[in-house]
Protein backbone atom coordinates (compact mmCIF):
# COMPACT_ATOMS: atom_id res chain seq x y z
CA MET A 1 23.24 2.04 36.98
CA ASP A 2 24.34 5.58 36.08
CA ALA A 3 24.42 5.05 32.30
CA LEU A 4 20.70 4.29 32.24
CA SER A 5 18.22 7.18 32.05
CA LYS A 6 16.14 7.71 35.16
CA TRP A 7 13.05 7.47 32.94
CA ASN A 8 13.98 4.04 31.58
CA VAL A 9 11.36 1.45 32.46
CA ALA A 10 14.09 -1.08 33.32
CA ARG A 11 14.76 0.88 36.51
CA LYS A 12 11.24 0.24 37.81
CA TYR A 13 10.14 -3.02 36.19
CA GLU A 14 11.76 -6.43 35.77
CA LYS A 15 11.26 -9.92 34.39
CA ARG A 16 7.83 -10.63 32.91
CA THR A 17 6.50 -7.08 33.35
CA LEU A 18 9.52 -5.59 31.62
CA LEU A 19 9.29 -8.12 28.80
CA ILE A 20 5.60 -7.29 28.31
CA LEU A 21 6.43 -3.58 28.02
CA ILE A 22 9.14 -4.29 25.44
CA ASN A 23 6.77 -6.58 23.57
CA ALA A 24 4.08 -3.89 23.55
CA VAL A 25 6.40 -1.28 22.03
CA ALA A 26 7.79 -3.75 19.48
CA GLY A 27 4.21 -4.74 18.74
CA LEU A 28 3.29 -1.09 18.08
CA SER A 29 6.04 -0.95 15.47
CA ILE A 30 4.77 -4.16 13.87
CA PHE A 31 1.17 -2.87 14.09
CA PHE A 32 2.18 0.09 11.93
CA PHE A 33 3.80 -2.30 9.46
CA GLY A 34 0.57 -4.30 9.16
CA TYR A 35 -1.60 -1.23 8.84
CA ASP A 36 0.63 0.35 6.24
CA GLN A 37 0.72 -2.83 4.16
CA GLY A 38 -3.01 -3.47 4.41
CA VAL A 39 -4.22 0.05 3.73
CA MET A 40 -3.44 -0.01 0.01
CA GLY A 41 -5.88 -2.85 -0.63
CA GLY A 42 -8.82 -0.56 0.06
CA VAL A 43 -7.22 2.58 -1.33
CA ASN A 44 -6.81 0.89 -4.72
CA GLY A 45 -10.57 0.41 -4.87
CA THR A 46 -11.54 4.06 -4.34
CA ARG A 47 -12.80 6.19 -7.20
CA ASP A 48 -11.02 9.47 -6.46
CA TYR A 49 -7.67 7.78 -5.87
CA ALA A 50 -7.75 5.92 -9.19
CA GLU A 51 -8.66 9.10 -11.06
CA VAL A 52 -6.15 11.36 -9.27
CA MET A 53 -3.34 8.87 -9.83
CA GLY A 54 -4.37 8.39 -13.45
CA TRP A 55 -4.43 4.60 -13.63
CA GLY A 56 -8.15 3.88 -13.70
CA HIS A 57 -11.76 5.01 -13.89
CA PHE A 58 -15.03 4.24 -12.18
CA ASP A 59 -17.42 1.97 -14.07
CA GLU A 60 -20.89 3.29 -13.30
CA ALA A 61 -22.63 0.16 -14.60
CA LYS A 62 -20.57 -2.30 -12.54
CA GLY A 63 -20.07 0.05 -9.58
CA ILE A 64 -16.34 -0.70 -9.33
CA VAL A 65 -12.99 0.91 -10.17
CA VAL A 66 -11.52 -0.43 -13.40
CA ALA A 67 -7.75 -0.33 -13.91
CA ASP A 68 -6.85 1.09 -17.33
CA LYS A 69 -3.15 0.98 -16.51
CA ALA A 70 -2.64 -2.09 -14.33
CA LEU A 71 1.15 -1.76 -14.42
CA LYS A 72 0.96 1.78 -13.07
CA GLN A 73 -1.47 0.69 -10.37
CA GLY A 74 0.84 -2.13 -9.30
CA GLY A 75 3.88 0.12 -9.65
CA ILE A 76 2.60 2.58 -7.04
CA VAL A 77 2.24 -0.32 -4.64
CA ALA A 78 5.51 -1.96 -5.67
CA VAL A 79 7.83 1.06 -5.22
CA TYR A 80 7.03 0.88 -1.52
CA TYR A 81 9.03 -2.37 -1.53
CA LEU A 82 11.45 -1.76 -4.39
CA PRO A 83 13.35 0.44 -3.72
CA GLY A 84 11.60 1.68 -0.52
CA THR A 85 11.80 -1.07 2.08
CA LEU A 86 14.78 -2.60 0.27
CA PHE A 87 16.92 0.50 0.81
CA GLY A 88 15.40 1.03 4.26
CA ALA A 89 16.40 -2.48 5.31
CA PHE A 90 20.04 -1.94 4.36
CA LEU A 91 20.03 1.45 6.07
CA GLY A 92 18.35 0.07 9.20
CA GLY A 93 20.75 -2.87 9.49
CA TRP A 94 23.80 -0.63 9.27
CA PHE A 95 22.37 2.02 11.59
CA GLY A 96 21.14 -0.56 14.09
CA ASP A 97 24.49 -2.34 14.39
CA ARG A 98 26.32 0.96 14.75
CA TYR A 99 24.05 3.14 16.87
CA GLY A 100 21.82 0.65 18.66
CA ARG A 101 18.31 -0.71 18.38
CA ILE A 102 16.46 2.06 20.24
CA LYS A 103 17.87 5.00 18.28
CA THR A 104 17.19 3.18 15.02
CA ILE A 105 13.52 2.62 15.86
CA ALA A 106 13.13 6.29 16.82
CA VAL A 107 14.73 7.59 13.61
CA ALA A 108 12.68 5.18 11.48
CA SER A 109 9.49 6.43 13.14
CA LEU A 110 10.27 9.98 12.07
CA VAL A 111 11.02 8.93 8.50
CA ALA A 112 7.76 6.96 8.32
CA ILE A 113 5.79 9.94 9.69
CA VAL A 114 7.14 12.13 6.89
CA GLY A 115 6.35 9.42 4.33
CA ALA A 116 2.76 9.00 5.57
CA THR A 117 2.25 12.77 5.50
CA LEU A 118 3.41 12.92 1.89
CA GLN A 119 1.16 10.01 0.91
CA CYS A 120 -2.05 11.38 2.36
CA SER A 121 -1.45 14.76 0.68
CA ALA A 122 -0.44 13.40 -2.76
CA GLN A 123 -1.91 15.28 -5.74
CA ASN A 124 -0.68 13.09 -8.60
CA SER A 125 1.01 9.80 -9.35
CA ASN A 126 4.56 11.19 -9.35
CA TRP A 127 3.97 12.64 -5.89
CA MET A 128 2.58 9.32 -4.71
CA PHE A 129 5.48 7.36 -6.20
CA CYS A 130 7.95 9.47 -4.22
CA ALA A 131 5.86 9.33 -1.05
CA ARG A 132 5.55 5.55 -1.24
CA VAL A 133 9.31 5.16 -1.59
CA PHE A 134 9.91 7.44 1.40
CA ASN A 135 7.38 5.62 3.55
CA GLY A 136 8.88 2.32 2.46
CA ILE A 137 12.29 3.41 3.68
CA GLY A 138 10.92 4.08 7.16
CA THR A 139 9.10 0.76 7.21
CA GLY A 140 12.20 -1.08 5.98
CA VAL A 141 14.29 0.35 8.81
CA LEU A 142 11.66 -0.65 11.39
CA ASN A 143 11.34 -4.14 9.96
CA ALA A 144 15.11 -4.60 9.98
CA ILE A 145 15.56 -3.67 13.62
CA THR A 146 12.37 -4.38 15.60
CA PRO A 147 12.50 -8.23 15.41
CA VAL A 148 16.19 -8.09 16.38
CA TRP A 149 15.47 -5.98 19.46
CA ALA A 150 12.62 -8.32 20.41
CA THR A 151 14.62 -11.56 20.05
CA GLU A 152 17.68 -10.15 21.81
CA THR A 153 15.67 -9.33 24.93
CA ALA A 154 13.46 -12.45 24.99
CA GLU A 155 14.43 -15.78 26.57
CA HIS A 156 15.37 -18.60 24.23
CA THR A 157 12.61 -20.82 25.64
CA SER A 158 9.83 -18.36 24.73
CA ARG A 159 11.34 -16.32 21.92
CA GLY A 160 8.85 -17.63 19.37
CA GLN A 161 5.87 -16.78 21.56
CA PHE A 162 7.29 -13.31 22.14
CA VAL A 163 7.51 -12.51 18.44
CA SER A 164 4.26 -14.31 17.55
CA ILE A 165 2.31 -11.95 19.80
CA GLU A 166 3.80 -9.03 17.92
CA PHE A 167 2.59 -10.43 14.63
CA THR A 168 -0.91 -10.81 16.05
CA LEU A 169 -0.71 -7.03 16.41
CA ASN A 170 0.66 -6.88 12.87
CA ILE A 171 -2.50 -8.44 11.49
CA PHE A 172 -4.58 -6.33 13.86
CA GLY A 173 -3.08 -3.42 11.93
CA VAL A 174 -4.35 -4.96 8.68
CA VAL A 175 -7.80 -5.41 10.26
CA VAL A 176 -7.93 -1.80 11.46
CA ALA A 177 -6.91 -0.58 7.99
CA TYR A 178 -9.63 -2.55 6.24
CA TRP A 179 -12.43 -1.53 8.58
CA ILE A 180 -11.45 2.13 8.61
CA GLU A 181 -11.55 2.05 4.82
CA TYR A 182 -14.86 0.23 4.90
CA GLY A 183 -16.27 2.96 7.13
CA THR A 184 -15.00 5.79 4.92
CA THR A 185 -16.75 4.30 1.87
CA PHE A 186 -20.01 5.58 3.36
CA TYR A 187 -18.73 9.14 3.43
CA GLY A 188 -20.55 11.46 1.03
CA ASP A 189 -21.41 10.25 -2.44
CA GLY A 190 -18.26 8.14 -2.82
CA THR A 191 -16.28 10.69 -4.83
CA SER A 192 -14.48 12.49 -1.98
CA SER A 193 -10.70 12.19 -1.54
CA PHE A 194 -11.32 11.84 2.21
CA ILE A 195 -12.25 8.21 1.56
CA TRP A 196 -8.62 7.34 0.82
CA ARG A 197 -6.65 10.20 2.39
CA PHE A 198 -7.92 9.65 5.93
CA PRO A 199 -7.01 5.93 6.13
CA ILE A 200 -3.48 6.73 4.96
CA ALA A 201 -3.16 9.63 7.42
CA PHE A 202 -4.37 7.49 10.34
CA GLN A 203 -1.04 5.63 10.53
CA ILE A 204 0.68 8.81 11.69
CA ALA A 205 -0.90 8.44 15.15
CA PRO A 206 0.77 5.13 16.19
CA LEU A 207 4.06 6.36 14.72
CA ILE A 208 4.05 9.43 16.96
CA VAL A 209 3.33 7.24 19.99
CA LEU A 210 6.13 4.85 18.99
CA PHE A 211 8.64 7.68 18.64
CA CYS A 212 7.79 8.99 22.10
CA VAL A 213 7.74 5.74 24.10
CA VAL A 214 10.70 3.93 22.55
CA TRP A 215 13.12 6.27 24.35
CA LEU A 216 11.85 4.84 27.66
CA MET A 217 12.76 1.27 26.70
CA PRO A 218 16.00 -0.58 27.56
CA GLU A 219 18.57 -1.13 24.85
CA SER A 220 19.39 -4.67 23.72
CA PRO A 221 21.84 -6.14 26.27
CA ARG A 222 23.55 -8.08 23.49
CA TRP A 223 24.26 -4.93 21.49
CA LEU A 224 25.55 -3.22 24.63
CA VAL A 225 28.01 -6.05 25.29
CA LYS A 226 29.11 -6.04 21.66
CA VAL A 227 30.03 -2.33 21.78
CA GLY A 228 31.83 -2.65 25.13
CA ARG A 229 29.10 -1.35 27.47
CA GLU A 230 29.18 -4.55 29.50
CA GLU A 231 28.11 -3.11 32.84
CA GLU A 232 24.93 -1.65 31.36
CA GLY A 233 24.25 -4.82 29.38
CA ARG A 234 24.69 -6.99 32.49
CA TYR A 235 22.33 -4.76 34.48
CA ILE A 236 19.59 -4.95 31.85
CA LEU A 237 19.98 -8.73 31.58
CA GLY A 238 19.56 -8.94 35.34
CA ARG A 239 16.36 -6.93 35.14
CA LEU A 240 15.06 -9.09 32.29
CA ARG A 241 15.85 -12.48 33.85
CA GLY A 242 15.82 -11.77 37.61
CA GLU A 243 18.63 -12.09 40.14
CA THR A 244 17.11 -13.74 43.20
CA GLY A 245 15.66 -17.08 44.25
CA ALA A 246 15.21 -19.59 41.44
CA ASP A 247 16.37 -16.98 38.93
CA GLU A 248 19.79 -16.55 40.51
CA GLY A 249 22.54 -17.26 38.02
CA ARG A 250 20.38 -17.16 34.87
CA ALA A 251 21.38 -13.64 33.86
CA GLU A 252 25.04 -14.33 34.63
CA ALA A 253 25.04 -17.50 32.52
CA GLU A 254 23.50 -15.66 29.58
CA PHE A 255 25.88 -12.74 30.05
CA GLN A 256 28.89 -15.05 29.93
CA ASP A 257 27.54 -16.73 26.78
CA ILE A 258 27.23 -13.33 25.12
CA ARG A 259 30.74 -12.24 26.15
CA ASN A 260 32.19 -15.50 24.91
CA ILE A 261 30.42 -15.38 21.56
CA VAL A 262 31.52 -11.77 21.02
CA GLU A 263 35.11 -12.83 21.58
CA LEU A 264 34.76 -15.90 19.37
CA GLU A 265 33.19 -13.90 16.53
CA ARG A 266 36.03 -11.38 16.66
CA LYS A 267 38.57 -14.19 16.37
CA THR A 268 36.65 -16.12 13.73
CA SER A 269 35.36 -13.43 11.39
CA SER A 270 36.31 -10.03 10.03
CA GLN A 271 33.09 -9.37 8.08
CA GLN A 272 31.17 -6.11 8.46
CA SER A 273 29.84 -4.98 5.08
CA TYR A 274 26.76 -6.25 3.26
CA ILE A 275 28.91 -7.35 0.34
CA ALA A 276 31.16 -9.38 2.65
CA MET A 277 28.10 -11.00 4.19
CA PHE A 278 26.52 -11.84 0.84
CA PHE A 279 29.66 -13.49 -0.55
CA GLY A 280 30.91 -14.84 2.79
CA ILE A 281 34.14 -12.83 2.61
CA GLY A 282 36.00 -13.13 5.90
CA SER A 283 33.19 -15.05 7.60
CA GLY A 284 35.25 -18.16 8.33
CA LYS A 285 33.25 -20.87 10.06
CA LEU A 286 30.34 -18.50 10.67
CA HIS A 287 29.18 -19.13 7.07
CA THR A 288 27.26 -15.87 6.89
CA ALA A 289 26.64 -16.11 3.14
CA ARG A 290 24.64 -19.30 3.67
CA ARG A 291 22.52 -17.61 6.31
CA VAL A 292 21.89 -14.66 3.99
CA GLN A 293 20.63 -16.93 1.22
CA LEU A 294 18.38 -18.84 3.61
CA VAL A 295 16.60 -15.78 5.00
CA VAL A 296 16.24 -14.03 1.63
CA TRP A 297 14.64 -17.05 -0.01
CA LEU A 298 12.45 -17.82 3.00
CA GLN A 299 10.91 -14.36 2.72
CA ILE A 300 10.49 -14.63 -1.05
CA LEU A 301 8.76 -17.97 -0.61
CA GLN A 302 6.49 -16.44 2.02
CA GLU A 303 5.14 -14.00 -0.55
CA TRP A 304 4.78 -16.54 -3.36
CA ILE A 305 2.73 -19.04 -1.38
CA GLY A 306 -0.25 -16.72 -1.95
CA ILE A 307 -0.54 -14.26 0.91
CA ALA A 308 0.62 -11.25 -1.11
CA GLY A 309 -2.28 -11.72 -3.49
CA ILE A 310 -4.85 -12.19 -0.73
CA THR A 311 -3.65 -9.29 1.42
CA ILE A 312 -3.18 -6.66 -1.25
CA TYR A 313 -5.54 -7.87 -3.97
CA GLY A 314 -8.09 -9.65 -1.80
CA PRO A 315 -11.08 -8.07 -3.55
CA THR A 316 -9.82 -9.45 -6.88
CA ILE A 317 -9.60 -12.98 -5.51
CA PHE A 318 -13.05 -12.72 -3.97
CA SER A 319 -14.45 -11.56 -7.31
CA ILE A 320 -13.11 -14.79 -8.85
CA ALA A 321 -14.91 -16.62 -6.05
CA GLY A 322 -18.17 -14.95 -7.12
CA ILE A 323 -18.54 -12.29 -4.41
CA SER A 324 -20.43 -9.20 -5.56
CA ALA A 325 -18.67 -5.85 -5.82
CA GLU A 326 -20.66 -4.35 -2.94
CA ARG A 327 -19.56 -7.07 -0.53
CA ARG A 328 -15.88 -7.46 -1.45
CA LEU A 329 -14.40 -4.96 1.00
CA TRP A 330 -16.67 -6.26 3.76
CA VAL A 331 -15.69 -9.87 3.09
CA SER A 332 -12.00 -8.89 2.95
CA GLY A 333 -12.37 -7.31 6.37
CA LEU A 334 -13.92 -10.48 7.81
CA ASN A 335 -11.09 -12.48 6.27
CA ASP A 336 -8.59 -10.25 8.05
CA ILE A 337 -10.33 -10.78 11.38
CA THR A 338 -10.03 -14.54 10.87
CA TYR A 339 -6.41 -13.95 9.92
CA MET A 340 -5.73 -12.04 13.14
CA PHE A 341 -7.24 -14.65 15.47
CA SER A 342 -5.41 -17.45 13.68
CA THR A 343 -2.07 -15.90 14.64
CA LEU A 344 -2.85 -16.70 18.27
CA LEU A 345 -2.43 -20.39 17.46
CA CYS A 346 1.20 -19.69 16.57
CA VAL A 347 1.69 -18.04 19.98
CA PHE A 348 0.98 -21.36 21.69
CA THR A 349 2.58 -23.77 19.21
CA LEU A 350 5.74 -22.17 17.80
CA ASP A 351 7.92 -22.88 20.86
CA ARG A 352 6.39 -26.35 21.26
CA ILE A 353 6.68 -27.89 17.79
CA GLY A 354 9.48 -25.68 16.46
CA ARG A 355 9.99 -23.56 13.35
CA ARG A 356 10.39 -26.40 10.84
CA TRP A 357 7.21 -28.31 11.76
CA THR A 358 5.27 -25.05 11.83
CA LEU A 359 6.31 -24.43 8.22
CA TYR A 360 5.60 -28.05 7.22
CA TRP A 361 2.00 -28.19 8.30
CA GLY A 362 1.42 -24.68 7.02
CA SER A 363 2.64 -25.60 3.54
CA VAL A 364 0.46 -28.72 3.40
CA GLY A 365 -2.68 -26.90 4.50
CA GLN A 366 -2.09 -23.83 2.35
CA GLY A 367 -1.32 -25.89 -0.74
CA ILE A 368 -4.56 -27.85 -0.41
CA CYS A 369 -6.54 -24.62 0.08
CA MET A 370 -5.07 -22.96 -3.02
CA PHE A 371 -5.70 -25.92 -5.32
CA VAL A 372 -9.26 -26.41 -4.06
CA ALA A 373 -10.05 -22.68 -4.13
CA GLY A 374 -8.77 -22.47 -7.71
CA GLY A 375 -10.95 -25.36 -8.80
CA LEU A 376 -14.01 -23.97 -7.05
CA ALA A 377 -13.42 -20.51 -8.52
CA ARG A 378 -13.49 -22.06 -12.01
CA ALA A 379 -16.59 -24.00 -11.07
CA THR A 380 -18.18 -20.74 -9.94
CA LEU A 381 -17.53 -19.13 -13.30
CA ASN A 382 -19.12 -22.11 -15.06
CA ALA A 383 -22.00 -22.62 -12.64
CA SER A 384 -25.59 -21.75 -13.38
CA ASP A 385 -27.09 -18.76 -11.60
CA ASP A 386 -28.92 -20.87 -9.02
CA LYS A 387 -25.71 -22.69 -8.02
CA LYS A 388 -23.21 -19.83 -8.33
CA ALA A 389 -23.70 -18.56 -4.77
CA GLY A 390 -23.15 -21.97 -3.20
CA VAL A 391 -20.02 -22.84 -5.18
CA GLY A 392 -18.62 -19.33 -4.76
CA GLY A 393 -19.21 -19.55 -1.03
CA ALA A 394 -17.18 -22.76 -0.89
CA ALA A 395 -14.32 -21.08 -2.78
CA THR A 396 -14.44 -18.18 -0.34
CA PHE A 397 -14.27 -20.61 2.60
CA PHE A 398 -10.99 -22.08 1.32
CA VAL A 399 -9.54 -18.59 0.84
CA PHE A 400 -10.47 -17.88 4.48
CA LEU A 401 -8.95 -21.21 5.54
CA PHE A 402 -5.75 -20.45 3.65
CA THR A 403 -5.43 -17.11 5.41
CA ALA A 404 -6.02 -18.71 8.80
CA ILE A 405 -3.39 -21.40 8.23
CA PHE A 406 -0.91 -18.81 7.00
CA GLY A 407 -1.49 -16.69 10.09
CA ALA A 408 -0.79 -19.69 12.31
CA THR A 409 2.37 -20.74 10.45
CA TRP A 410 4.15 -18.88 7.65
CA LEU A 411 3.37 -15.37 8.85
CA THR A 412 5.74 -15.36 11.82
CA VAL A 413 8.56 -17.82 11.09
CA PRO A 414 10.13 -15.96 8.10
CA TRP A 415 10.35 -12.84 10.29
CA LEU A 416 11.59 -14.63 13.39
CA TYR A 417 14.19 -16.82 11.68
CA PRO A 418 16.46 -14.00 10.36
CA ALA A 419 16.51 -12.34 13.78
CA GLU A 420 17.63 -15.64 15.34
CA ILE A 421 20.34 -17.09 13.15
CA PHE A 422 22.90 -14.34 12.49
CA PRO A 423 26.09 -13.65 14.47
CA LEU A 424 25.81 -10.84 17.02
CA GLN A 425 28.41 -8.70 15.26
CA VAL A 426 26.13 -8.36 12.19
CA ARG A 427 22.71 -9.37 13.53
CA ALA A 428 20.88 -6.19 12.50
CA ARG A 429 22.49 -6.35 9.06
CA GLY A 430 21.57 -10.03 8.87
CA ASN A 431 17.94 -9.35 9.68
CA ALA A 432 18.05 -6.61 7.06
CA TRP A 433 18.76 -9.28 4.47
CA GLY A 434 15.50 -10.92 5.50
CA VAL A 435 13.69 -7.63 4.85
CA VAL A 436 15.48 -7.47 1.50
CA GLY A 437 14.00 -10.87 0.62
CA TRP A 438 10.57 -9.70 1.76
CA SER A 439 10.94 -6.51 -0.32
CA ILE A 440 11.94 -8.50 -3.41
CA GLY A 441 9.13 -10.99 -2.89
CA ASN A 442 6.51 -8.33 -2.24
CA GLY A 443 7.67 -5.97 -4.98
CA TRP A 444 7.80 -8.82 -7.45
CA THR A 445 4.35 -10.15 -6.61
CA VAL A 446 2.42 -6.88 -6.33
CA LEU A 447 3.91 -5.69 -9.62
CA LEU A 448 3.00 -8.90 -11.43
CA LEU A 449 -0.26 -9.85 -9.73
CA PRO A 450 -2.59 -7.48 -11.64
CA THR A 451 -1.22 -8.79 -14.94
CA MET A 452 -1.10 -12.35 -13.61
CA PHE A 453 -4.76 -12.32 -12.58
CA ASP A 454 -5.73 -10.75 -15.90
CA ALA A 455 -3.91 -13.47 -17.85
CA LEU A 456 -4.53 -16.56 -15.69
CA GLY A 457 -7.66 -15.76 -13.70
CA GLU A 458 -8.34 -18.41 -11.08
CA LYS A 459 -5.36 -20.43 -12.34
CA SER A 460 -3.19 -17.98 -10.39
CA LEU A 461 -4.20 -19.90 -7.29
CA TYR A 462 -2.64 -23.07 -8.75
CA VAL A 463 0.70 -21.25 -8.98
CA PHE A 464 0.50 -20.42 -5.28
CA GLY A 465 -0.43 -24.01 -4.49
CA ALA A 466 2.58 -25.35 -6.41
CA VAL A 467 4.94 -23.06 -4.50
CA ASN A 468 3.56 -24.40 -1.22
CA VAL A 469 4.38 -27.95 -2.32
CA ALA A 470 7.93 -26.92 -3.25
CA THR A 471 8.61 -25.35 0.15
CA ILE A 472 8.35 -28.66 2.02
CA PRO A 473 11.54 -30.34 0.71
CA ILE A 474 13.33 -26.97 0.72
CA VAL A 475 12.71 -26.41 4.44
CA TRP A 476 13.49 -30.05 5.26
CA ALA A 477 16.87 -30.01 3.52
CA PHE A 478 18.27 -26.55 4.20
CA TYR A 479 16.71 -24.88 7.26
CA PRO A 480 18.06 -25.95 10.68
CA GLU A 481 15.82 -25.77 13.73
CA THR A 482 16.29 -22.75 16.03
CA ASN A 483 13.63 -23.59 18.62
CA GLN A 484 14.83 -23.81 22.27
CA ARG A 485 18.32 -22.71 21.29
CA THR A 486 19.98 -19.50 22.43
CA LEU A 487 21.05 -16.89 19.91
CA GLU A 488 24.64 -17.71 20.82
CA GLU A 489 24.17 -21.38 19.88
CA MET A 490 23.33 -20.43 16.30
CA ASN A 491 27.01 -20.08 15.46
CA LEU A 492 27.46 -23.72 16.41
CA VAL A 493 24.47 -24.74 14.29
CA PHE A 494 25.87 -23.05 11.17
CA ALA A 495 29.51 -24.02 11.66
CA ALA A 496 29.25 -27.04 9.33
CA ASP A 497 30.66 -26.59 5.83
CA SER A 498 27.70 -28.42 4.29
CA TRP A 499 24.42 -26.65 3.44
CA PHE A 500 22.33 -29.66 4.45
CA ASN A 501 20.43 -29.62 7.71
CA TRP A 502 21.50 -33.08 8.85
CA GLU A 503 25.17 -32.10 8.61
CA ALA A 504 24.45 -28.91 10.58
CA GLU A 505 22.84 -30.92 13.38
CA LYS A 506 25.72 -33.37 13.47
CA SER A 507 28.24 -30.54 13.70
CA TYR A 508 26.18 -28.72 16.33
CA LYS A 509 26.06 -31.77 18.57
CA LEU A 510 29.84 -32.16 18.52
CA LEU A 511 30.60 -28.45 18.97
CA SER A 512 28.13 -27.97 21.83
CA GLU A 513 29.81 -30.85 23.69
CA GLN A 514 33.25 -29.35 23.08
CA ASN A 515 32.25 -25.72 23.75
CA PRO A 516 30.18 -25.71 26.97
CA GLU A 517 31.28 -22.10 27.52
CA LEU A 518 28.97 -21.06 24.67
CA VAL A 519 25.82 -22.85 25.84
CA GLN A 520 25.65 -22.14 29.58
CA ALA A 521 22.26 -20.43 29.37
CA ALA A 522 20.83 -23.30 27.33
CA GLN A 523 22.14 -26.07 29.57
CA ARG A 524 19.97 -26.22 32.66
CA GLY A 525 22.52 -28.38 34.45
CA HIS A 526 25.35 -25.89 34.07
CA SER A 527 25.74 -23.45 36.92
CA VAL A 528 27.68 -20.20 37.04
CA ILE A 529 28.39 -20.88 40.71
CA ASP A 530 31.88 -22.23 41.33
CA PRO A 531 31.23 -25.57 43.14
CA GLU A 532 34.48 -25.36 45.14
CA ALA A 533 34.45 -21.71 46.18
CA GLY A 534 30.68 -21.31 46.35
CA THR A 535 30.89 -17.91 44.62
CA LYS A 536 29.79 -16.63 41.22
CA ARG A 537 32.25 -17.04 38.41
CA THR A 538 33.29 -13.76 36.84
CA GLY A 539 35.28 -12.75 33.82
CA SER A 540 35.36 -14.26 30.36
CA LEU A 541 35.16 -18.02 30.20
CA VAL A 542 36.64 -18.30 26.70
CA PRO A 543 39.15 -21.17 26.69
CA ARG A 544 42.29 -21.06 24.61
CA ASN A 545 41.11 -23.84 22.28
CA LEU A 546 37.60 -22.49 21.55
CA SER A 547 36.78 -23.33 17.94
CA LEU A 548 33.91 -23.70 15.46
CA ASP A 549 35.74 -26.36 13.48
CA ALA A 550 34.07 -29.70 14.17
CA LYS A 551 36.67 -31.54 12.11
CA ALA A 552 39.37 -30.19 14.40
CA TYR A 553 37.59 -31.71 17.37
CA GLU A 554 37.23 -35.02 15.56
CA LYS A 555 40.97 -34.91 14.93
CA GLN A 556 41.55 -34.00 18.57
CA ASP A 557 39.50 -36.99 19.74
CA SER A 558 41.54 -39.35 17.57
CA GLU A 559 44.98 -37.84 18.22
CA GLY A 560 44.54 -36.30 21.67
CA SER A 561 45.70 -32.84 20.56
CA GLU A 562 44.03 -29.42 20.87
CA PRO A 563 42.10 -28.09 17.87
CA GLU A 564 43.28 -25.14 15.91
CA LYS A 565 41.24 -21.94 16.25
CA ALA A 566 38.74 -21.34 13.48
């Protein structure tokens, strides 16, 4: 394969080994994301940082940093998301669809390195505001493209497991951030800027490694086919899936599915811009606007079920639960370790029970934890001194349990879902809309949470609990299942004109029966070997009557005529 660099790992490795290497590099990108998000929790509690940035002071009597300007404190955190990751997501989606997944990850790494350098050298709040925005742009680009690259190389039967492992590394990044910050608190007399500058600077190391190794990785075969580099895309698919023995024909079936869906999308839709996607202009039966709304709101809901408060303002929540100031950072670090190990449950369950049931049980468990933790936090405040430790410990347990359930459920699905459901022609842009939702949700919550906790105290946890309850009927009604379905099948799932899930499933069943050329890789019984000639089928298998209009097929069944093209 002449187009492929001689240093590309796809030349030497194949199948599971190659997938593990891709997963490791994608995981490094997600590790940086977790570290970068988690690091501000500890930074906000350091004396020198609060004084240099001008939003707080150190209370000698209480031994903690007190925020005099809570809005400014939250604003420094929030600009990372709005406009940082928000703009970065749009940029990454456009760049990724145009120039490929690998180049986009490399460029984003450089941008994030510059942003981290500016952050760790900041001398005032204006400097930090600008640095946070710049770093957010790099993170937004990475978040827009890394899940897409991962899902486009993984098999549809294990795609959830593939991405879940990456998000275990994501929370490992949060854990590393917390414990590095915990270690730096012992440096000197507690007034040195090293305590907060070093943890921020540490993220530069994995970014440099990511920039160097990503050039050795194979490009997404789906993107290669989309831009006309079919020979290279077919070669990489063969290396990913295998070509001999029991694997013979798998890569060819998937390749034909990709070619067919590229052709169908070109005939069905003329959309390219973000505006066209948002309003569904030119999307035809692909219904891209519906998909945009689903992923944006799924990410916003992810932040409002309570994890934003626990991750970024964990010490505040633990103070409500009665934990002393000296132990808050330590307890937050233990909570993150629990969080990390809980993500491993998702690795083994997500491809077994599906995305919808993962969200269901997560919402039930998280909702119970938030309501109980809120009640126990109030009980802690009212308890006598001899009972305060016991009641506060119970409240802390339910905060830990909430984090564990979130790690096993809602952490991964809102990031996996956007990378699964969009058409190939705009998949990176589609995933960018998911990052937009995450940016809005995060920016909204981190900006409001300091004020919210000041005004509501432990009642803030009831708000998170109520949101968890609301997510159950929302997911049931509007979010179709993607588990065990190929990326190409998603266009059949979303071809129905109705927003409701049951209509989508009805339409999918009819269209998959009428369009076998689009589901070869998913149908174990379909072979790409011609039964008469005994040779592999080649060339596009797109039939003249290929359509995403289920009603046309219903009409065809009743009248015996061919459907019109959608």
